[in-house]
Amino acid sequence: MTAAYTISDYRYAANSVSVRPTPDGSGWQTRAARLAGAMKARWCHRAGGYLMSPAKAARFERMYAEGYDGNSFTGELIPPC
């Protein structure tokens, strides 16, 4: 099984990391992409992912592990059941 996302330093923005959701081939947003959007991260086409601070990326990892999701239409955060 592949990882749902990768986090790496982004060299073109100071103090930023890139969270790159791994596509699943369906054409729909993955849970990692929906969660990053709900956390108000900036999409960067050049990075191929969402830019956020390292602290926000750590929060993203924790929330993803706990089961949080985001609504792709309204951008609201959906807590785990």
C-alpha atoms as a PDB file:
ATOM      1  CA  MET A   1       0.000   0.000   0.000  1.00  0.00           C
ATOM      2  CA  THR A   2       1.332   3.426  -0.925  1.00  0.00           C
ATOM      3  CA  ALA A   3       1.374   6.415   1.368  1.00  0.00           C
ATOM      4  CA  ALA A   4      -1.558   8.826   1.069  1.00  0.00           C
ATOM      5  CA  TYR A   5       0.737  11.872   0.974  1.00  0.00           C
ATOM      6  CA  THR A   6       4.365  12.974   1.120  1.00  0.00           C
ATOM      7  CA  ILE A   7       5.796  15.940   2.985  1.00  0.00           C
ATOM      8  CA  SER A   8       8.990  17.614   1.788  1.00  0.00           C
ATOM      9  CA  ASP A   9      10.741  20.947   2.159  1.00  0.00           C
ATOM     10  CA  TYR A  10       9.860  23.476  -0.527  1.00  0.00           C
ATOM     11  CA  ARG A  11      12.896  25.377  -1.689  1.00  0.00           C
ATOM     12  CA  TYR A  12      11.119  28.307  -3.341  1.00  0.00           C
ATOM     13  CA  ALA A  13       9.219  29.521  -0.265  1.00  0.00           C
ATOM     14  CA  ALA A  14      10.900  30.326   3.026  1.00  0.00           C
ATOM     15  CA  ASN A  15       9.830  28.230   6.018  1.00  0.00           C
ATOM     16  CA  SER A  16       7.344  26.181   3.992  1.00  0.00           C
ATOM     17  CA  VAL A  17       6.828  22.510   3.326  1.00  0.00           C
ATOM     18  CA  SER A  18       4.903  20.878   0.508  1.00  0.00           C
ATOM     19  CA  VAL A  19       2.241  18.266   1.256  1.00  0.00           C
ATOM     20  CA  ARG A  20       1.706  16.256  -1.936  1.00  0.00           C
ATOM     21  CA  PRO A  21      -1.371  14.009  -1.880  1.00  0.00           C
ATOM     22  CA  THR A  22      -0.860  10.745  -3.784  1.00  0.00           C
ATOM     23  CA  PRO A  23      -3.531  10.377  -6.492  1.00  0.00           C
ATOM     24  CA  ASP A  24      -5.582   7.184  -6.358  1.00  0.00           C
ATOM     25  CA  GLY A  25      -6.485   7.160 -10.055  1.00  0.00           C
ATOM     26  CA  SER A  26     -10.195   7.901  -9.617  1.00  0.00           C
ATOM     27  CA  GLY A  27      -9.960  11.595 -10.529  1.00  0.00           C
ATOM     28  CA  TRP A  28     -11.552  12.643  -7.232  1.00  0.00           C
ATOM     29  CA  GLN A  29      -9.739  14.413  -4.414  1.00  0.00           C
ATOM     30  CA  THR A  30      -8.214  12.091  -1.857  1.00  0.00           C
ATOM     31  CA  ARG A  31      -8.837  12.498   1.865  1.00  0.00           C
ATOM     32  CA  ALA A  32      -5.381  14.068   2.265  1.00  0.00           C
ATOM     33  CA  ALA A  33      -6.195  16.701  -0.375  1.00  0.00           C
ATOM     34  CA  ARG A  34      -9.596  17.448   1.154  1.00  0.00           C
ATOM     35  CA  LEU A  35      -8.062  17.781   4.630  1.00  0.00           C
ATOM     36  CA  ALA A  36      -5.295  20.107   3.390  1.00  0.00           C
ATOM     37  CA  GLY A  37      -7.905  22.283   1.676  1.00  0.00           C
ATOM     38  CA  ALA A  38     -10.029  22.398   4.809  1.00  0.00           C
ATOM     39  CA  MET A  39      -6.975  23.500   6.791  1.00  0.00           C
ATOM     40  CA  LYS A  40      -6.678  26.518   4.443  1.00  0.00           C
ATOM     41  CA  ALA A  41      -3.346  25.436   2.967  1.00  0.00           C
ATOM     42  CA  ARG A  42      -2.278  27.106  -0.291  1.00  0.00           C
ATOM     43  CA  TRP A  43      -2.262  24.984  -3.455  1.00  0.00           C
ATOM     44  CA  CYS A  44       0.918  25.489  -5.465  1.00  0.00           C
ATOM     45  CA  HIS A  45       0.959  24.031  -8.962  1.00  0.00           C
ATOM     46  CA  ARG A  46       4.751  24.299  -9.179  1.00  0.00           C
ATOM     47  CA  ALA A  47       5.134  22.217  -6.013  1.00  0.00           C
ATOM     48  CA  GLY A  48       2.357  19.844  -7.029  1.00  0.00           C
ATOM     49  CA  GLY A  49       0.871  20.071  -3.570  1.00  0.00           C
ATOM     50  CA  TYR A  50      -0.265  22.255  -0.710  1.00  0.00           C
ATOM     51  CA  LEU A  51       2.157  24.695   0.953  1.00  0.00           C
ATOM     52  CA  MET A  52       2.035  25.125   4.700  1.00  0.00           C
ATOM     53  CA  SER A  53       4.304  25.853   7.626  1.00  0.00           C
ATOM     54  CA  PRO A  54       6.130  22.964   9.316  1.00  0.00           C
ATOM     55  CA  ALA A  55       3.917  23.397  12.408  1.00  0.00           C
ATOM     56  CA  LYS A  56       0.759  23.178  10.306  1.00  0.00           C
ATOM     57  CA  ALA A  57       2.182  20.107   8.537  1.00  0.00           C
ATOM     58  CA  ALA A  58       2.699  18.410  11.913  1.00  0.00           C
ATOM     59  CA  ARG A  59      -0.904  19.263  12.810  1.00  0.00           C
ATOM     60  CA  PHE A  60      -2.001  17.908   9.404  1.00  0.00           C
ATOM     61  CA  GLU A  61      -0.262  14.573  10.099  1.00  0.00           C
ATOM     62  CA  ARG A  62      -1.863  14.306  13.532  1.00  0.00           C
ATOM     63  CA  MET A  63      -5.333  15.132  12.221  1.00  0.00           C
ATOM     64  CA  TYR A  64      -4.984  12.701   9.293  1.00  0.00           C
ATOM     65  CA  ALA A  65      -3.985   9.914  11.690  1.00  0.00           C
ATOM     66  CA  GLU A  66      -6.972  10.705  13.941  1.00  0.00           C
ATOM     67  CA  GLY A  67      -9.374  10.409  10.981  1.00  0.00           C
ATOM     68  CA  TYR A  68     -10.308  14.008  10.184  1.00  0.00           C
ATOM     69  CA  ASP A  69     -11.624  14.804   6.700  1.00  0.00           C
ATOM     70  CA  GLY A  70     -12.636  17.873   4.743  1.00  0.00           C
ATOM     71  CA  ASN A  71     -15.672  18.666   2.652  1.00  0.00           C
ATOM     72  CA  SER A  72     -14.554  19.279  -0.930  1.00  0.00           C
ATOM     73  CA  PHE A  73     -17.551  21.525  -1.733  1.00  0.00           C
ATOM     74  CA  THR A  74     -17.775  23.780   1.322  1.00  0.00           C
ATOM     75  CA  GLY A  75     -14.208  23.469   2.622  1.00  0.00           C
ATOM     76  CA  GLU A  76     -15.395  22.647   6.137  1.00  0.00           C
ATOM     77  CA  LEU A  77     -13.460  20.378   8.455  1.00  0.00           C
ATOM     78  CA  ILE A  78     -15.231  17.115   9.269  1.00  0.00           C
ATOM     79  CA  PRO A  79     -14.296  15.554  12.657  1.00  0.00           C
ATOM     80  CA  PRO A  80     -13.885  11.787  12.961  1.00  0.00           C
ATOM     81  CA  CYS A  81     -16.931   9.745  13.907  1.00  0.00           C
END
